[in-house]
Structure formats: structure tokens, C-alpha cells
Amino acid sequence: MNAAPALVAYTAAIGFAAPHLLLRNRWTYRAPALAAAVWHALAVSFSIDTALTAATLATPTEHLHAGLLGLLHTCGLPEGAQQPIPATSDRLAVGLPVAIGIALVASFVFHVVRARRARTQHREAVDLVGRHSARLCATVLPYDTPAVYCLPGRHPRIVISDAAVRRLTPEQLGAVLAHEQAHIAGRHHLLLAAVEAFHTVFPWVPLARHAREQTALLLEMTADDRALRRHTHEVLATAMYEMAAARAPKGALAAGGHTVLIRLQRILGPRRAAHPALWGSVATATLVVPLLPLLVACPPGLS
């Protein structure tokens, strides 16, 4: 049985239909961390499916199981019966998926290294012109606009402008600092690098575009929720309003920015926690979705 048609259909469903369905669901704003995991699961599933589709199309007359056996033989591993030397189609069946995997890994490394370089340069500049505040556990920077952002990584920094120190109340300062600490503790910069890498390799796919945009928004909401554990909605909302005009440097994550309006509506609007049944079902689906391409390519019982 040739799995190519099913794999192509699954690729279209995940890459083009699934993003629009997910964007219509409002539960994502009630459980932003879970929703971000769903976007990443879809990206992983699409990547695996694309690799399997390329392998299947390269050997259209053979089932993928045969291609896997050929791969074992090519690598010099024992696999039972003697196999012939792989043909060109067999080499393509192995080379195309490997090329896709290498492209994704290389793109991820590129985005991580580039962002780290930008953060390092900015961190050195901040250390030169700013002053460390032991009370705030942050670096205070002379700047006329209220702003707070973090530089995550091995040597993280939270940077706050002196205008923010002057204009925000102690409660508001605590809320925005908790927001930035959530970004650092959650290693959100790596999650953003992952969706950036996915978009770089598959820029024409709606899933890649929406995953990048939504992950950035959902991670900000996740950090908001972390801050709301110790601070009121009004305190965080007013602090965000004060910093709405601030912009973070490249590689940094900030409490302000262009997503403030959506997040303010969420914070100040009616709040309804996600139902435990929703959490369980979506979490299960998040774990299963990346495995679906393997089930499509190699359904149980086929040889």
C-alpha cells in the first residue's frame, strides 16, 4: 500500500486547515501555555509528515517499511535478509528527509546564535551605561520612556528604564518584573527560536506564519499569568498601559509592545479558567499529533 496520498492530505490539513481552526478557538487565550504547546506540536507533526512524504514520493512503488529496511542496510546494520544495493530512489528516500531535518536544526541553531549575539552586545552596553539595583534585581537604564524588558540566556538581565522606576508604583514594578522573570524561567527565547526556524524553512505555509505570530503572543500571556499569581489584574494592566509605547531591542522580551492591547482586553475582561477536561484532552492531543504521520505512513498490521 502506498501511503503518499494520505501523507499529502495530512500535510495539507496540518499546514493549511489546522491553523485556521485553532485561531477560531478562544480557549487558547484561557490556556496560553497549552496553546503554545499545540502550535509547536503541529509544527513538529508537519515537519515529520513532510519528511515522510518526501521519502514516500521518492519510492512510490514501495511501502515505507521497505524504505526503512533499506535505510538500515545502507547504514550497515543487520536487518535479516540480504538486501540489494540501494537505487537512486532509495537514496532520495533517505536523503530528502535528512535534508529537511538538517535544514530545521541548522535554522534553529542560526536563530539561537544570532539572538544570543544581539543580546550579548546589548548586555555589554547596558552594563556600561546602566546601574544595578539590588532592590529590583535589575539594571536601571537612563531612558525617558517607561520600559522593562529582559535579556534571557546564560547570563540573563532584567532591564528597566529610570522613567519606569519613577512613574510606576512599587506594586506595578513588582508585576512587570515578575512578568520578565517568567520569560527567563520559562526559556521562552528558545521556543521563539524554534518557531522562527520552522518559518524560515517553510515560509509559504500558513502554519509557519501563524505559529510564529501566535507563539509570541501566547508566551506574553503566559508571563502575564505568572505575574497575576501575586499581583492584581488592575496593577498589571495599568503598568502595561504605561509601557505600551516601549519597544524591546532585538533578542529581548518585553512586557510592553504591540501585543499590549490584546493582552489588556484579556486581563481586564471576564476571566474563565480552562476546564480540566479541556486541559486533559488538548494535552493528550498535543502528545499524539506528532506521532500521527508515522501511523499514516506505517499503519499497524501492514508490512
C-alpha atoms as a PDB file:
ATOM      1  CA  MET A   1       0.000   0.000   0.000  1.00  0.00           C
ATOM      2  CA  ASN A   2       1.332   3.425  -0.949  1.00  0.00           C
ATOM      3  CA  ALA A   3       0.874   5.979   1.831  1.00  0.00           C
ATOM      4  CA  ALA A   4       1.736   9.014  -0.313  1.00  0.00           C
ATOM      5  CA  PRO A   5      -1.873  10.238  -0.901  1.00  0.00           C
ATOM      6  CA  ALA A   6      -2.695  10.009   2.797  1.00  0.00           C
ATOM      7  CA  LEU A   7       0.518  11.776   3.763  1.00  0.00           C
ATOM      8  CA  VAL A   8      -0.069  14.570   1.243  1.00  0.00           C
ATOM      9  CA  ALA A   9      -3.625  15.018   2.538  1.00  0.00           C
ATOM     10  CA  TYR A  10      -2.358  15.105   6.118  1.00  0.00           C
ATOM     11  CA  THR A  11       0.290  17.680   5.186  1.00  0.00           C
ATOM     12  CA  ALA A  12      -2.383  19.931   3.668  1.00  0.00           C
ATOM     13  CA  ALA A  13      -4.657  19.510   6.673  1.00  0.00           C
ATOM     14  CA  ILE A  14      -1.949  20.333   9.227  1.00  0.00           C
ATOM     15  CA  GLY A  15      -0.230  23.065   7.244  1.00  0.00           C
ATOM     16  CA  PHE A  16      -3.262  24.898   5.851  1.00  0.00           C
ATOM     17  CA  ALA A  17      -6.513  23.913   7.587  1.00  0.00           C
ATOM     18  CA  ALA A  18      -5.462  23.313  11.206  1.00  0.00           C
ATOM     19  CA  PRO A  19      -4.095  26.865  11.817  1.00  0.00           C
ATOM     20  CA  HIS A  20      -7.398  28.487  10.848  1.00  0.00           C
ATOM     21  CA  LEU A  21      -9.355  26.111  13.070  1.00  0.00           C
ATOM     22  CA  LEU A  22      -7.057  26.796  16.008  1.00  0.00           C
ATOM     23  CA  LEU A  23      -7.252  30.570  15.507  1.00  0.00           C
ATOM     24  CA  ARG A  24     -11.048  30.427  15.828  1.00  0.00           C
ATOM     25  CA  ASN A  25     -10.908  28.764  19.248  1.00  0.00           C
ATOM     26  CA  ARG A  26     -10.979  31.207  22.142  1.00  0.00           C
ATOM     27  CA  TRP A  27      -9.800  28.641  24.678  1.00  0.00           C
ATOM     28  CA  THR A  28      -6.247  29.382  23.553  1.00  0.00           C
ATOM     29  CA  TYR A  29      -6.314  32.685  25.466  1.00  0.00           C
ATOM     30  CA  ARG A  30      -7.590  30.924  28.589  1.00  0.00           C
ATOM     31  CA  ALA A  31      -4.730  28.416  28.500  1.00  0.00           C
ATOM     32  CA  PRO A  32      -1.905  30.184  26.640  1.00  0.00           C
ATOM     33  CA  ALA A  33       0.891  27.825  27.698  1.00  0.00           C
ATOM     34  CA  LEU A  34      -1.072  24.813  26.476  1.00  0.00           C
ATOM     35  CA  ALA A  35      -1.984  26.612  23.251  1.00  0.00           C
ATOM     36  CA  ALA A  36       1.688  27.415  22.587  1.00  0.00           C
ATOM     37  CA  ALA A  37       2.473  23.724  23.048  1.00  0.00           C
ATOM     38  CA  VAL A  38      -0.230  22.870  20.495  1.00  0.00           C
ATOM     39  CA  TRP A  39       1.311  25.196  17.902  1.00  0.00           C
ATOM     40  CA  HIS A  40       4.701  23.554  18.455  1.00  0.00           C
ATOM     41  CA  ALA A  41       3.167  20.074  18.225  1.00  0.00           C
ATOM     42  CA  LEU A  42       1.569  20.983  14.893  1.00  0.00           C
ATOM     43  CA  ALA A  43       4.908  22.282  13.635  1.00  0.00           C
ATOM     44  CA  VAL A  44       6.678  19.071  14.678  1.00  0.00           C
ATOM     45  CA  SER A  45       3.933  16.966  13.105  1.00  0.00           C
ATOM     46  CA  PHE A  46       4.109  18.929   9.850  1.00  0.00           C
ATOM     47  CA  SER A  47       7.900  18.569   9.725  1.00  0.00           C
ATOM     48  CA  ILE A  48       7.765  14.805  10.286  1.00  0.00           C
ATOM     49  CA  ASP A  49       4.968  14.414   7.763  1.00  0.00           C
ATOM     50  CA  THR A  50       6.829  16.442   5.143  1.00  0.00           C
ATOM     51  CA  ALA A  51       9.918  14.273   5.598  1.00  0.00           C
ATOM     52  CA  LEU A  52       7.879  11.076   5.328  1.00  0.00           C
ATOM     53  CA  THR A  53       6.019  12.398   2.289  1.00  0.00           C
ATOM     54  CA  ALA A  54       9.312  13.164   0.553  1.00  0.00           C
ATOM     55  CA  ALA A  55      10.578   9.654   1.336  1.00  0.00           C
ATOM     56  CA  THR A  56       7.369   8.029   0.120  1.00  0.00           C
ATOM     57  CA  LEU A  57       7.216  10.009  -3.109  1.00  0.00           C
ATOM     58  CA  ALA A  58      10.827   9.090  -3.829  1.00  0.00           C
ATOM     59  CA  THR A  59       9.884   5.389  -3.672  1.00  0.00           C
ATOM     60  CA  PRO A  60       6.272   5.434  -4.901  1.00  0.00           C
ATOM     61  CA  THR A  61       6.093   1.709  -5.641  1.00  0.00           C
ATOM     62  CA  GLU A  62       7.258   0.577  -2.216  1.00  0.00           C
ATOM     63  CA  HIS A  63       5.800   0.790   1.233  1.00  0.00           C
ATOM     64  CA  LEU A  64       7.703   2.912   3.698  1.00  0.00           C
ATOM     65  CA  HIS A  65       8.618  -0.203   5.678  1.00  0.00           C
ATOM     66  CA  ALA A  66      10.764  -1.305   2.764  1.00  0.00           C
ATOM     67  CA  GLY A  67      12.439   2.075   2.694  1.00  0.00           C
ATOM     68  CA  LEU A  68      13.221   1.806   6.389  1.00  0.00           C
ATOM     69  CA  LEU A  69      14.770  -1.612   5.827  1.00  0.00           C
ATOM     70  CA  GLY A  70      16.834  -0.160   3.025  1.00  0.00           C
ATOM     71  CA  LEU A  71      17.975   2.617   5.352  1.00  0.00           C
ATOM     72  CA  LEU A  72      19.143   0.030   7.895  1.00  0.00           C
ATOM     73  CA  HIS A  73      21.055  -1.790   5.169  1.00  0.00           C
ATOM     74  CA  THR A  74      22.610   1.472   3.916  1.00  0.00           C
ATOM     75  CA  CYS A  75      23.820   2.252   7.441  1.00  0.00           C
ATOM     76  CA  GLY A  76      25.446  -1.198   7.663  1.00  0.00           C
ATOM     77  CA  LEU A  77      23.073  -2.543  10.310  1.00  0.00           C
ATOM     78  CA  PRO A  78      21.900  -6.175  10.139  1.00  0.00           C
ATOM     79  CA  GLU A  79      18.269  -6.479   9.133  1.00  0.00           C
ATOM     80  CA  GLY A  80      17.717 -10.103   8.273  1.00  0.00           C
ATOM     81  CA  ALA A  81      17.584 -10.998   4.607  1.00  0.00           C
ATOM     82  CA  GLN A  82      20.296  -9.738   2.295  1.00  0.00           C
ATOM     83  CA  GLN A  83      19.263  -6.505   0.563  1.00  0.00           C
ATOM     84  CA  PRO A  84      20.466  -5.204  -2.777  1.00  0.00           C
ATOM     85  CA  ILE A  85      22.464  -2.005  -3.133  1.00  0.00           C
ATOM     86  CA  PRO A  86      20.041   0.945  -2.773  1.00  0.00           C
ATOM     87  CA  ALA A  87      18.953   2.508  -6.034  1.00  0.00           C
ATOM     88  CA  THR A  88      18.790   6.231  -6.701  1.00  0.00           C
ATOM     89  CA  SER A  89      15.201   6.376  -5.472  1.00  0.00           C
ATOM     90  CA  ASP A  90      16.251   4.712  -2.227  1.00  0.00           C
ATOM     91  CA  ARG A  91      18.985   7.271  -1.730  1.00  0.00           C
ATOM     92  CA  LEU A  92      16.463  10.046  -2.341  1.00  0.00           C
ATOM     93  CA  ALA A  93      14.091   8.433   0.132  1.00  0.00           C
ATOM     94  CA  VAL A  94      16.800   8.765   2.745  1.00  0.00           C
ATOM     95  CA  GLY A  95      18.420  11.995   1.602  1.00  0.00           C
ATOM     96  CA  LEU A  96      15.309  14.161   1.314  1.00  0.00           C
ATOM     97  CA  PRO A  97      14.067  13.592   4.907  1.00  0.00           C
ATOM     98  CA  VAL A  98      17.604  14.009   6.215  1.00  0.00           C
ATOM     99  CA  ALA A  99      17.928  17.288   4.298  1.00  0.00           C
ATOM    100  CA  ILE A 100      14.682  18.568   5.813  1.00  0.00           C
ATOM    101  CA  GLY A 101      15.848  17.630   9.302  1.00  0.00           C
ATOM    102  CA  ILE A 102      19.234  19.256   8.799  1.00  0.00           C
ATOM    103  CA  ALA A 103      17.584  22.424   7.477  1.00  0.00           C
ATOM    104  CA  LEU A 104      15.354  22.680  10.549  1.00  0.00           C
ATOM    105  CA  VAL A 105      18.191  22.060  13.009  1.00  0.00           C
ATOM    106  CA  ALA A 106      20.535  24.451  11.207  1.00  0.00           C
ATOM    107  CA  SER A 107      17.857  27.143  11.107  1.00  0.00           C
ATOM    108  CA  PHE A 108      17.180  26.728  14.836  1.00  0.00           C
ATOM    109  CA  VAL A 109      20.878  26.998  15.656  1.00  0.00           C
ATOM    110  CA  PHE A 110      21.176  30.050  13.411  1.00  0.00           C
ATOM    111  CA  HIS A 111      18.330  31.895  15.142  1.00  0.00           C
ATOM    112  CA  VAL A 112      19.578  30.957  18.612  1.00  0.00           C
ATOM    113  CA  VAL A 113      23.131  32.097  17.880  1.00  0.00           C
ATOM    114  CA  ARG A 114      22.039  35.313  16.163  1.00  0.00           C
ATOM    115  CA  ALA A 115      19.719  36.267  19.026  1.00  0.00           C
ATOM    116  CA  ARG A 116      22.393  35.384  21.596  1.00  0.00           C
ATOM    117  CA  ARG A 117      24.921  37.589  19.792  1.00  0.00           C
ATOM    118  CA  ALA A 118      22.480  40.510  19.766  1.00  0.00           C
ATOM    119  CA  ARG A 119      21.682  40.019  23.460  1.00  0.00           C
ATOM    120  CA  THR A 120      25.373  39.813  24.361  1.00  0.00           C
ATOM    121  CA  GLN A 121      26.153  43.070  22.594  1.00  0.00           C
ATOM    122  CA  HIS A 122      23.183  44.796  24.210  1.00  0.00           C
ATOM    123  CA  ARG A 123      24.040  43.348  27.625  1.00  0.00           C
ATOM    124  CA  GLU A 124      27.554  44.751  27.422  1.00  0.00           C
ATOM    125  CA  ALA A 125      26.189  48.177  26.506  1.00  0.00           C
ATOM    126  CA  VAL A 126      23.631  48.043  29.321  1.00  0.00           C
ATOM    127  CA  ASP A 127      26.301  47.108  31.853  1.00  0.00           C
ATOM    128  CA  LEU A 128      28.340  50.127  30.773  1.00  0.00           C
ATOM    129  CA  VAL A 129      25.628  52.801  30.954  1.00  0.00           C
ATOM    130  CA  GLY A 130      23.226  51.299  33.480  1.00  0.00           C
ATOM    131  CA  ARG A 131      23.409  50.683  37.197  1.00  0.00           C
ATOM    132  CA  HIS A 132      22.466  47.512  39.013  1.00  0.00           C
ATOM    133  CA  SER A 133      19.647  47.787  41.552  1.00  0.00           C
ATOM    134  CA  ALA A 134      19.811  45.142  44.258  1.00  0.00           C
ATOM    135  CA  ARG A 135      16.285  46.083  45.376  1.00  0.00           C
ATOM    136  CA  LEU A 136      14.790  45.450  41.950  1.00  0.00           C
ATOM    137  CA  CYS A 137      17.257  42.712  40.908  1.00  0.00           C
ATOM    138  CA  ALA A 138      17.506  44.583  37.621  1.00  0.00           C
ATOM    139  CA  THR A 139      19.680  47.009  35.710  1.00  0.00           C
ATOM    140  CA  VAL A 140      18.321  50.555  35.661  1.00  0.00           C
ATOM    141  CA  LEU A 141      18.936  52.332  32.378  1.00  0.00           C
ATOM    142  CA  PRO A 142      18.673  56.119  31.790  1.00  0.00           C
ATOM    143  CA  TYR A 143      15.760  56.371  29.360  1.00  0.00           C
ATOM    144  CA  ASP A 144      12.876  58.833  29.131  1.00  0.00           C
ATOM    145  CA  THR A 145      10.205  56.245  28.206  1.00  0.00           C
ATOM    146  CA  PRO A 146       8.875  53.730  30.758  1.00  0.00           C
ATOM    147  CA  ALA A 147      10.194  50.341  29.630  1.00  0.00           C
ATOM    148  CA  VAL A 148      11.003  46.962  31.123  1.00  0.00           C
ATOM    149  CA  TYR A 149      12.474  44.026  29.224  1.00  0.00           C
ATOM    150  CA  CYS A 150      14.650  41.001  29.800  1.00  0.00           C
ATOM    151  CA  LEU A 151      17.709  39.586  28.081  1.00  0.00           C
ATOM    152  CA  PRO A 152      17.351  35.820  28.576  1.00  0.00           C
ATOM    153  CA  GLY A 153      20.051  33.212  28.195  1.00  0.00           C
ATOM    154  CA  ARG A 154      23.014  32.022  30.232  1.00  0.00           C
ATOM    155  CA  HIS A 155      23.581  35.430  31.821  1.00  0.00           C
ATOM    156  CA  PRO A 156      20.079  36.908  31.994  1.00  0.00           C
ATOM    157  CA  ARG A 157      19.358  40.530  32.728  1.00  0.00           C
ATOM    158  CA  ILE A 158      16.198  42.417  33.503  1.00  0.00           C
ATOM    159  CA  VAL A 159      16.493  45.984  32.271  1.00  0.00           C
ATOM    160  CA  ILE A 160      14.228  48.780  33.460  1.00  0.00           C
ATOM    161  CA  SER A 161      14.300  52.434  32.497  1.00  0.00           C
ATOM    162  CA  ASP A 162      14.583  55.061  35.192  1.00  0.00           C
ATOM    163  CA  ALA A 163      11.377  56.591  33.795  1.00  0.00           C
ATOM    164  CA  ALA A 164       9.564  53.364  34.700  1.00  0.00           C
ATOM    165  CA  VAL A 165      11.066  53.444  38.198  1.00  0.00           C
ATOM    166  CA  ARG A 166       9.770  56.992  38.652  1.00  0.00           C
ATOM    167  CA  ARG A 167       6.295  56.527  37.174  1.00  0.00           C
ATOM    168  CA  LEU A 168       5.308  53.041  38.297  1.00  0.00           C
ATOM    169  CA  THR A 169       4.188  52.237  41.808  1.00  0.00           C
ATOM    170  CA  PRO A 170       6.034  49.540  43.784  1.00  0.00           C
ATOM    171  CA  GLU A 171       3.170  47.121  43.065  1.00  0.00           C
ATOM    172  CA  GLN A 172       3.326  47.859  39.344  1.00  0.00           C
ATOM    173  CA  LEU A 173       7.095  47.443  39.318  1.00  0.00           C
ATOM    174  CA  GLY A 174       6.713  44.094  41.065  1.00  0.00           C
ATOM    175  CA  ALA A 175       4.174  42.944  38.479  1.00  0.00           C
ATOM    176  CA  VAL A 176       6.266  43.794  35.417  1.00  0.00           C
ATOM    177  CA  LEU A 177       9.421  42.357  36.980  1.00  0.00           C
ATOM    178  CA  ALA A 178       7.536  39.113  37.685  1.00  0.00           C
ATOM    179  CA  HIS A 179       6.469  39.110  34.037  1.00  0.00           C
ATOM    180  CA  GLU A 180      10.075  39.310  32.862  1.00  0.00           C
ATOM    181  CA  GLN A 181      11.234  36.699  35.373  1.00  0.00           C
ATOM    182  CA  ALA A 182       8.622  34.335  33.895  1.00  0.00           C
ATOM    183  CA  HIS A 183      10.171  34.776  30.453  1.00  0.00           C
ATOM    184  CA  ILE A 184      13.618  33.922  31.795  1.00  0.00           C
ATOM    185  CA  ALA A 185      12.500  30.956  33.902  1.00  0.00           C
ATOM    186  CA  GLY A 186      10.413  29.524  31.061  1.00  0.00           C
ATOM    187  CA  ARG A 187      13.231  29.859  28.493  1.00  0.00           C
ATOM    188  CA  HIS A 188      10.751  31.449  26.152  1.00  0.00           C
ATOM    189  CA  HIS A 189      13.521  32.640  23.850  1.00  0.00           C
ATOM    190  CA  LEU A 190      14.180  29.028  22.799  1.00  0.00           C
ATOM    191  CA  LEU A 191      10.519  28.441  21.976  1.00  0.00           C
ATOM    192  CA  LEU A 192      10.517  31.584  19.853  1.00  0.00           C
ATOM    193  CA  ALA A 193      13.691  30.451  18.093  1.00  0.00           C
ATOM    194  CA  ALA A 194      12.011  27.132  17.282  1.00  0.00           C
ATOM    195  CA  VAL A 195       9.027  28.714  15.525  1.00  0.00           C
ATOM    196  CA  GLU A 196      11.329  31.179  13.772  1.00  0.00           C
ATOM    197  CA  ALA A 197      13.335  28.230  12.444  1.00  0.00           C
ATOM    198  CA  PHE A 198      10.168  26.486  11.300  1.00  0.00           C
ATOM    199  CA  HIS A 199       9.036  29.636   9.489  1.00  0.00           C
ATOM    200  CA  THR A 200      12.436  30.020   7.829  1.00  0.00           C
ATOM    201  CA  VAL A 201      12.267  26.510   6.349  1.00  0.00           C
ATOM    202  CA  PHE A 202       8.554  26.624   5.441  1.00  0.00           C
ATOM    203  CA  PRO A 203       7.806  30.348   4.866  1.00  0.00           C
ATOM    204  CA  TRP A 204       4.926  29.709   2.437  1.00  0.00           C
ATOM    205  CA  VAL A 205       2.945  27.508   4.859  1.00  0.00           C
ATOM    206  CA  PRO A 206       0.180  29.267   6.879  1.00  0.00           C
ATOM    207  CA  LEU A 207       1.022  27.094   9.885  1.00  0.00           C
ATOM    208  CA  ALA A 208       4.554  28.527   9.992  1.00  0.00           C
ATOM    209  CA  ARG A 209       3.359  32.138   9.812  1.00  0.00           C
ATOM    210  CA  HIS A 210       0.599  31.762  12.409  1.00  0.00           C
ATOM    211  CA  ALA A 211       2.739  29.616  14.729  1.00  0.00           C
ATOM    212  CA  ARG A 212       5.366  32.349  14.861  1.00  0.00           C
ATOM    213  CA  GLU A 213       2.844  35.129  15.499  1.00  0.00           C
ATOM    214  CA  GLN A 214       0.692  33.232  17.978  1.00  0.00           C
ATOM    215  CA  THR A 215       3.588  31.775  19.960  1.00  0.00           C
ATOM    216  CA  ALA A 216       4.965  35.254  20.625  1.00  0.00           C
ATOM    217  CA  LEU A 217       1.538  36.432  21.826  1.00  0.00           C
ATOM    218  CA  LEU A 218       0.791  33.319  23.867  1.00  0.00           C
ATOM    219  CA  LEU A 219       4.142  33.434  25.646  1.00  0.00           C
ATOM    220  CA  GLU A 220       3.447  37.030  26.657  1.00  0.00           C
ATOM    221  CA  MET A 221       0.088  35.884  28.037  1.00  0.00           C
ATOM    222  CA  THR A 222       1.816  33.045  29.861  1.00  0.00           C
ATOM    223  CA  ALA A 223       4.168  35.539  31.507  1.00  0.00           C
ATOM    224  CA  ASP A 224       1.157  37.730  32.359  1.00  0.00           C
ATOM    225  CA  ASP A 225      -0.484  34.792  34.120  1.00  0.00           C
ATOM    226  CA  ARG A 226       2.677  34.182  36.109  1.00  0.00           C
ATOM    227  CA  ALA A 227       2.672  37.813  37.253  1.00  0.00           C
ATOM    228  CA  LEU A 228      -1.035  37.593  38.144  1.00  0.00           C
ATOM    229  CA  ARG A 229      -0.300  34.904  40.717  1.00  0.00           C
ATOM    230  CA  ARG A 230       0.993  37.595  43.079  1.00  0.00           C
ATOM    231  CA  HIS A 231      -0.439  40.806  41.689  1.00  0.00           C
ATOM    232  CA  THR A 232      -3.913  42.034  40.839  1.00  0.00           C
ATOM    233  CA  HIS A 233      -5.266  42.411  37.335  1.00  0.00           C
ATOM    234  CA  GLU A 234      -5.579  46.183  37.756  1.00  0.00           C
ATOM    235  CA  VAL A 235      -1.960  46.583  38.853  1.00  0.00           C
ATOM    236  CA  LEU A 236      -0.577  44.633  35.913  1.00  0.00           C
ATOM    237  CA  ALA A 237      -2.934  46.284  33.417  1.00  0.00           C
ATOM    238  CA  THR A 238      -2.046  49.822  34.480  1.00  0.00           C
ATOM    239  CA  ALA A 239       1.669  49.003  34.369  1.00  0.00           C
ATOM    240  CA  MET A 240       1.303  47.578  30.870  1.00  0.00           C
ATOM    241  CA  TYR A 241      -0.600  50.676  29.781  1.00  0.00           C
ATOM    242  CA  GLU A 242       2.242  52.895  30.985  1.00  0.00           C
ATOM    243  CA  MET A 243       4.720  50.894  28.905  1.00  0.00           C
ATOM    244  CA  ALA A 244       2.593  50.382  25.798  1.00  0.00           C
ATOM    245  CA  ALA A 245       4.816  52.634  23.691  1.00  0.00           C
ATOM    246  CA  ALA A 246       8.066  50.906  24.694  1.00  0.00           C
ATOM    247  CA  ARG A 247       9.920  48.667  22.248  1.00  0.00           C
ATOM    248  CA  ALA A 248      12.336  45.916  23.173  1.00  0.00           C
ATOM    249  CA  PRO A 249      15.723  45.555  21.469  1.00  0.00           C
ATOM    250  CA  LYS A 250      16.421  42.585  19.209  1.00  0.00           C
ATOM    251  CA  GLY A 251      16.614  39.326  21.127  1.00  0.00           C
ATOM    252  CA  ALA A 252      14.829  40.725  24.202  1.00  0.00           C
ATOM    253  CA  LEU A 253      11.362  40.041  25.618  1.00  0.00           C
ATOM    254  CA  ALA A 254       9.278  42.904  26.998  1.00  0.00           C
ATOM    255  CA  ALA A 255       6.085  43.429  28.987  1.00  0.00           C
ATOM    256  CA  GLY A 256       5.066  46.229  26.607  1.00  0.00           C
ATOM    257  CA  GLY A 257       4.966  46.262  22.835  1.00  0.00           C
ATOM    258  CA  HIS A 258       2.410  45.790  20.066  1.00  0.00           C
ATOM    259  CA  THR A 259       0.544  42.954  21.844  1.00  0.00           C
ATOM    260  CA  VAL A 260      -0.447  45.129  24.801  1.00  0.00           C
ATOM    261  CA  LEU A 261      -3.982  45.919  23.576  1.00  0.00           C
ATOM    262  CA  ILE A 262      -4.949  42.258  23.139  1.00  0.00           C
ATOM    263  CA  ARG A 263      -3.444  41.350  26.489  1.00  0.00           C
ATOM    264  CA  LEU A 264      -5.143  44.254  28.248  1.00  0.00           C
ATOM    265  CA  GLN A 265      -8.518  43.123  26.915  1.00  0.00           C
ATOM    266  CA  ARG A 266      -7.777  39.633  28.185  1.00  0.00           C
ATOM    267  CA  ILE A 267      -6.633  40.781  31.633  1.00  0.00           C
ATOM    268  CA  LEU A 268      -9.458  43.243  32.223  1.00  0.00           C
ATOM    269  CA  GLY A 269     -12.211  41.218  30.537  1.00  0.00           C
ATOM    270  CA  PRO A 270     -14.226  38.336  32.002  1.00  0.00           C
ATOM    271  CA  ARG A 271     -11.892  35.604  33.193  1.00  0.00           C
ATOM    272  CA  ARG A 272     -12.813  31.942  32.856  1.00  0.00           C
ATOM    273  CA  ALA A 273     -10.295  29.224  33.541  1.00  0.00           C
ATOM    274  CA  ALA A 274      -9.951  26.339  31.121  1.00  0.00           C
ATOM    275  CA  HIS A 275     -11.974  23.277  32.166  1.00  0.00           C
ATOM    276  CA  PRO A 276      -9.854  20.340  33.409  1.00  0.00           C
ATOM    277  CA  ALA A 277     -11.419  18.134  30.726  1.00  0.00           C
ATOM    278  CA  LEU A 278     -10.232  20.597  28.085  1.00  0.00           C
ATOM    279  CA  TRP A 279      -6.750  20.602  29.576  1.00  0.00           C
ATOM    280  CA  GLY A 280      -6.624  16.813  29.545  1.00  0.00           C
ATOM    281  CA  SER A 281      -7.966  16.335  26.026  1.00  0.00           C
ATOM    282  CA  VAL A 282      -5.806  19.046  24.461  1.00  0.00           C
ATOM    283  CA  ALA A 283      -2.700  17.891  26.326  1.00  0.00           C
ATOM    284  CA  THR A 284      -3.289  14.337  25.094  1.00  0.00           C
ATOM    285  CA  ALA A 285      -3.794  15.566  21.544  1.00  0.00           C
ATOM    286  CA  THR A 286      -0.581  17.589  21.792  1.00  0.00           C
ATOM    287  CA  LEU A 287       1.361  14.424  22.609  1.00  0.00           C
ATOM    288  CA  VAL A 288      -0.359  12.332  19.936  1.00  0.00           C
ATOM    289  CA  VAL A 289      -0.316  14.756  16.985  1.00  0.00           C
ATOM    290  CA  PRO A 290       3.455  14.496  16.279  1.00  0.00           C
ATOM    291  CA  LEU A 291       3.069  10.691  16.042  1.00  0.00           C
ATOM    292  CA  LEU A 292       0.179  10.717  13.573  1.00  0.00           C
ATOM    293  CA  PRO A 293       2.385  10.958  10.432  1.00  0.00           C
ATOM    294  CA  LEU A 294       4.123   7.734  11.480  1.00  0.00           C
ATOM    295  CA  LEU A 295       0.768   5.995  11.855  1.00  0.00           C
ATOM    296  CA  VAL A 296      -0.312   7.274   8.439  1.00  0.00           C
ATOM    297  CA  ALA A 297       2.917   6.127   6.808  1.00  0.00           C
ATOM    298  CA  CYS A 298       3.138   2.808   8.651  1.00  0.00           C
ATOM    299  CA  PRO A 299      -0.350   1.789   9.775  1.00  0.00           C
ATOM    300  CA  PRO A 300      -0.378  -1.163  12.182  1.00  0.00           C
ATOM    301  CA  GLY A 301      -0.696  -4.530  10.551  1.00  0.00           C
ATOM    302  CA  LEU A 302       0.942  -3.536   7.235  1.00  0.00           C
ATOM    303  CA  SER A 303       4.270  -4.942   6.143  1.00  0.00           C
END
